[in-house]
Structure formats: C-alpha cells, structure tokens
Amino acid sequence: MSSKNKTSRTTTRNIRFPNRMIEQIHIALEEKGSGNFSAWVIEACRRRLSTEKRIKTAQRNTEELNTRSGYFYHRTNGQ
C-alpha cells in the first residue's frame, strides 16, 4: 500500500476493495443519507481497533487468571 500527501494529522492510503463491497457501502451511505465514504471507512477501522483491544485485554486477563489459579492450586496442595 502506498502513502502520499502526508500532513501532520492524516495520511492518504490507496487500498483495493472488492467491487461488491464498494456497492454495498454506497447503498448503506445512501440509505443513511450521508455520502462520506472516508468517514464510513474510518469509523469501521475505529470499531475494529476497539474490538482488537478488547480481545487482547480479555486474553491478557485470562492468562493472568490462569497463572494465579495455577499458583493457588500448587500452594494449597503442598507443592
């Protein structure tokens, strides 16, 4: 992916979308009454980043709980 036209807060990126997906996005934008494709894609990316962060936090918490549970198990069984 190439980037160009950098400013201090944004970067232009060129990406490929399947044609059918572009059609579906345009239909969704028309139904919403907004034609701002960039804003739509940015919002989708924000949601994905948020989801990834929640998943990573949940995995970290599970690992920590498993570590603590194992430690507790060994201590209570005289190991």
N, C-alpha and C. Protein backbone atom coordinates (compact mmCIF):
# COMPACT_ATOMS: atom_id res chain seq x y z
N MET A 1 0.85 -1.17 0.00
CA MET A 1 0.00 0.00 0.00
C MET A 1 0.89 1.23 0.00
N SER A 2 0.65 2.13 -0.87
CA SER A 2 1.45 3.34 -0.91
C SER A 2 0.77 4.44 -0.10
N SER A 3 1.59 5.36 0.33
CA SER A 3 1.03 6.51 1.03
C SER A 3 1.61 7.76 0.40
N LYS A 4 0.85 8.83 0.48
CA LYS A 4 1.30 10.10 -0.09
C LYS A 4 0.54 11.23 0.57
N ASN A 5 0.89 12.44 0.23
CA ASN A 5 0.22 13.63 0.75
C ASN A 5 0.13 13.64 2.28
N LYS A 6 1.24 13.39 2.93
CA LYS A 6 1.23 13.41 4.39
C LYS A 6 1.06 14.82 4.91
N THR A 7 0.23 14.95 5.90
CA THR A 7 0.13 16.17 6.69
C THR A 7 0.45 15.76 8.11
N SER A 8 0.37 16.69 9.03
CA SER A 8 0.72 16.36 10.39
C SER A 8 -0.28 15.41 11.04
N ARG A 9 -1.53 15.36 10.57
CA ARG A 9 -2.54 14.54 11.25
C ARG A 9 -3.16 13.44 10.40
N THR A 10 -2.93 13.46 9.10
CA THR A 10 -3.53 12.44 8.25
C THR A 10 -2.54 11.96 7.20
N THR A 11 -2.81 10.78 6.66
CA THR A 11 -2.02 10.21 5.58
C THR A 11 -2.99 9.60 4.58
N THR A 12 -2.79 9.86 3.32
CA THR A 12 -3.60 9.25 2.27
C THR A 12 -3.05 7.87 1.98
N ARG A 13 -3.95 6.86 1.96
CA ARG A 13 -3.56 5.49 1.65
C ARG A 13 -4.39 5.00 0.48
N ASN A 14 -3.78 4.26 -0.41
CA ASN A 14 -4.50 3.67 -1.53
C ASN A 14 -4.74 2.20 -1.22
N ILE A 15 -6.01 1.79 -1.18
CA ILE A 15 -6.33 0.39 -0.91
C ILE A 15 -7.33 -0.11 -1.94
N ARG A 16 -7.39 -1.42 -2.10
CA ARG A 16 -8.34 -2.03 -3.03
C ARG A 16 -9.49 -2.64 -2.25
N PHE A 17 -10.70 -2.45 -2.76
CA PHE A 17 -11.90 -3.05 -2.20
C PHE A 17 -12.52 -3.93 -3.27
N PRO A 18 -13.12 -5.04 -2.88
CA PRO A 18 -13.90 -5.81 -3.86
C PRO A 18 -15.06 -4.94 -4.37
N ASN A 19 -15.37 -5.04 -5.65
CA ASN A 19 -16.42 -4.22 -6.25
C ASN A 19 -17.75 -4.37 -5.51
N ARG A 20 -18.10 -5.59 -5.16
CA ARG A 20 -19.38 -5.83 -4.48
C ARG A 20 -19.42 -5.10 -3.13
N MET A 21 -18.31 -5.08 -2.43
CA MET A 21 -18.26 -4.39 -1.14
C MET A 21 -18.45 -2.89 -1.32
N ILE A 22 -17.83 -2.33 -2.34
CA ILE A 22 -18.00 -0.90 -2.63
C ILE A 22 -19.47 -0.59 -2.90
N GLU A 23 -20.12 -1.45 -3.68
CA GLU A 23 -21.55 -1.26 -3.97
C GLU A 23 -22.37 -1.29 -2.68
N GLN A 24 -22.07 -2.24 -1.80
CA GLN A 24 -22.81 -2.36 -0.53
C GLN A 24 -22.58 -1.13 0.35
N ILE A 25 -21.36 -0.64 0.38
CA ILE A 25 -21.06 0.55 1.18
C ILE A 25 -21.82 1.76 0.64
N HIS A 26 -21.80 1.93 -0.67
CA HIS A 26 -22.51 3.06 -1.26
C HIS A 26 -24.02 2.98 -0.98
N ILE A 27 -24.58 1.79 -1.04
CA ILE A 27 -26.01 1.62 -0.71
C ILE A 27 -26.25 2.02 0.74
N ALA A 28 -25.39 1.56 1.64
CA ALA A 28 -25.54 1.90 3.06
C ALA A 28 -25.44 3.40 3.28
N LEU A 29 -24.51 4.05 2.58
CA LEU A 29 -24.36 5.50 2.71
C LEU A 29 -25.59 6.24 2.19
N GLU A 30 -26.14 5.77 1.07
CA GLU A 30 -27.34 6.40 0.52
C GLU A 30 -28.53 6.24 1.46
N GLU A 31 -28.66 5.05 2.05
CA GLU A 31 -29.77 4.82 2.99
C GLU A 31 -29.65 5.69 4.23
N LYS A 32 -28.41 5.93 4.63
CA LYS A 32 -28.17 6.77 5.81
C LYS A 32 -28.32 8.24 5.48
N GLY A 33 -28.19 8.58 4.20
CA GLY A 33 -28.29 9.98 3.79
C GLY A 33 -26.96 10.69 3.88
N SER A 34 -25.89 9.92 3.97
CA SER A 34 -24.55 10.50 4.05
C SER A 34 -23.71 9.88 2.96
N GLY A 35 -22.98 10.70 2.24
CA GLY A 35 -22.15 10.21 1.17
C GLY A 35 -20.68 10.24 1.49
N ASN A 36 -20.32 10.29 2.77
CA ASN A 36 -18.93 10.43 3.15
C ASN A 36 -18.27 9.06 3.32
N PHE A 37 -17.71 8.56 2.23
CA PHE A 37 -17.07 7.25 2.21
C PHE A 37 -15.90 7.19 3.20
N SER A 38 -15.07 8.20 3.20
CA SER A 38 -13.90 8.21 4.10
C SER A 38 -14.31 8.10 5.56
N ALA A 39 -15.31 8.87 5.94
CA ALA A 39 -15.78 8.83 7.34
C ALA A 39 -16.31 7.44 7.68
N TRP A 40 -16.99 6.80 6.74
CA TRP A 40 -17.54 5.47 6.95
C TRP A 40 -16.42 4.47 7.18
N VAL A 41 -15.39 4.52 6.34
CA VAL A 41 -14.26 3.59 6.46
C VAL A 41 -13.49 3.86 7.75
N ILE A 42 -13.28 5.11 8.10
CA ILE A 42 -12.57 5.45 9.34
C ILE A 42 -13.32 4.92 10.55
N GLU A 43 -14.65 5.06 10.57
CA GLU A 43 -15.45 4.54 11.68
C GLU A 43 -15.34 3.02 11.77
N ALA A 44 -15.36 2.35 10.63
CA ALA A 44 -15.22 0.89 10.62
C ALA A 44 -13.86 0.48 11.19
N CYS A 45 -12.83 1.21 10.83
CA CYS A 45 -11.49 0.92 11.36
C CYS A 45 -11.41 1.17 12.86
N ARG A 46 -12.02 2.25 13.32
CA ARG A 46 -12.05 2.53 14.77
C ARG A 46 -12.72 1.40 15.53
N ARG A 47 -13.84 0.93 15.00
CA ARG A 47 -14.56 -0.17 15.67
C ARG A 47 -13.71 -1.43 15.71
N ARG A 48 -13.02 -1.72 14.62
CA ARG A 48 -12.16 -2.92 14.58
C ARG A 48 -11.01 -2.79 15.57
N LEU A 49 -10.40 -1.62 15.64
CA LEU A 49 -9.32 -1.40 16.60
C LEU A 49 -9.81 -1.56 18.03
N SER A 50 -10.99 -1.05 18.31
CA SER A 50 -11.59 -1.18 19.64
C SER A 50 -11.84 -2.65 19.98
N THR A 51 -12.36 -3.39 19.02
CA THR A 51 -12.61 -4.82 19.22
C THR A 51 -11.30 -5.56 19.48
N GLU A 52 -10.28 -5.27 18.69
CA GLU A 52 -8.98 -5.92 18.87
C GLU A 52 -8.41 -5.63 20.25
N LYS A 53 -8.58 -4.40 20.71
CA LYS A 53 -8.08 -4.01 22.04
C LYS A 53 -8.81 -4.79 23.13
N ARG A 54 -10.14 -4.91 23.00
CA ARG A 54 -10.92 -5.67 24.00
C ARG A 54 -10.51 -7.13 24.02
N ILE A 55 -10.29 -7.72 22.85
CA ILE A 55 -9.87 -9.12 22.76
C ILE A 55 -8.52 -9.31 23.42
N LYS A 56 -7.59 -8.42 23.12
CA LYS A 56 -6.25 -8.51 23.69
C LYS A 56 -6.31 -8.38 25.21
N THR A 57 -7.11 -7.45 25.72
CA THR A 57 -7.25 -7.27 27.16
C THR A 57 -7.86 -8.51 27.79
N ALA A 58 -8.88 -9.08 27.17
CA ALA A 58 -9.53 -10.28 27.70
C ALA A 58 -8.55 -11.45 27.72
N GLN A 59 -7.75 -11.59 26.68
CA GLN A 59 -6.76 -12.67 26.65
C GLN A 59 -5.73 -12.48 27.75
N ARG A 60 -5.28 -11.26 27.94
CA ARG A 60 -4.30 -10.96 28.99
C ARG A 60 -4.89 -11.27 30.36
N ASN A 61 -6.15 -10.88 30.58
CA ASN A 61 -6.81 -11.15 31.86
C ASN A 61 -6.97 -12.64 32.10
N THR A 62 -7.31 -13.39 31.05
CA THR A 62 -7.47 -14.84 31.17
C THR A 62 -6.14 -15.50 31.51
N GLU A 63 -5.07 -15.07 30.83
CA GLU A 63 -3.75 -15.62 31.12
C GLU A 63 -3.34 -15.33 32.55
N GLU A 64 -3.62 -14.11 33.00
CA GLU A 64 -3.28 -13.73 34.36
C GLU A 64 -4.08 -14.56 35.36
N LEU A 65 -5.35 -14.76 35.10
CA LEU A 65 -6.20 -15.56 35.98
C LEU A 65 -5.72 -17.00 36.02
N ASN A 66 -5.37 -17.56 34.86
CA ASN A 66 -4.87 -18.93 34.81
C ASN A 66 -3.56 -19.06 35.57
N THR A 67 -2.70 -18.08 35.45
CA THR A 67 -1.43 -18.10 36.17
C THR A 67 -1.69 -18.06 37.67
N ARG A 68 -2.55 -17.18 38.10
CA ARG A 68 -2.87 -17.08 39.53
C ARG A 68 -3.54 -18.34 40.03
N SER A 69 -4.45 -18.91 39.25
CA SER A 69 -5.15 -20.12 39.66
C SER A 69 -4.18 -21.28 39.80
N GLY A 70 -3.24 -21.39 38.89
CA GLY A 70 -2.23 -22.44 38.96
C GLY A 70 -1.36 -22.27 40.19
N TYR A 71 -0.99 -21.05 40.47
CA TYR A 71 -0.17 -20.75 41.64
C TYR A 71 -0.94 -21.10 42.90
N PHE A 72 -2.21 -20.74 42.97
CA PHE A 72 -3.04 -21.04 44.13
C PHE A 72 -3.20 -22.54 44.29
N TYR A 73 -3.42 -23.25 43.19
CA TYR A 73 -3.59 -24.70 43.23
C TYR A 73 -2.36 -25.37 43.80
N HIS A 74 -1.18 -24.99 43.34
CA HIS A 74 0.06 -25.60 43.82
C HIS A 74 0.29 -25.30 45.29
N ARG A 75 -0.02 -24.11 45.74
CA ARG A 75 0.19 -23.74 47.14
C ARG A 75 -0.75 -24.50 48.06
N THR A 76 -2.00 -24.70 47.63
CA THR A 76 -2.97 -25.37 48.51
C THR A 76 -2.79 -26.87 48.54
N ASN A 77 -2.07 -27.42 47.59
CA ASN A 77 -1.84 -28.86 47.55
C ASN A 77 -0.43 -29.22 48.00
N GLY A 78 0.23 -28.33 48.68
CA GLY A 78 1.55 -28.60 49.24
C GLY A 78 2.66 -28.71 48.22
N GLN A 79 2.48 -28.15 47.06
CA GLN A 79 3.52 -28.23 46.03
C GLN A 79 4.31 -26.96 45.95
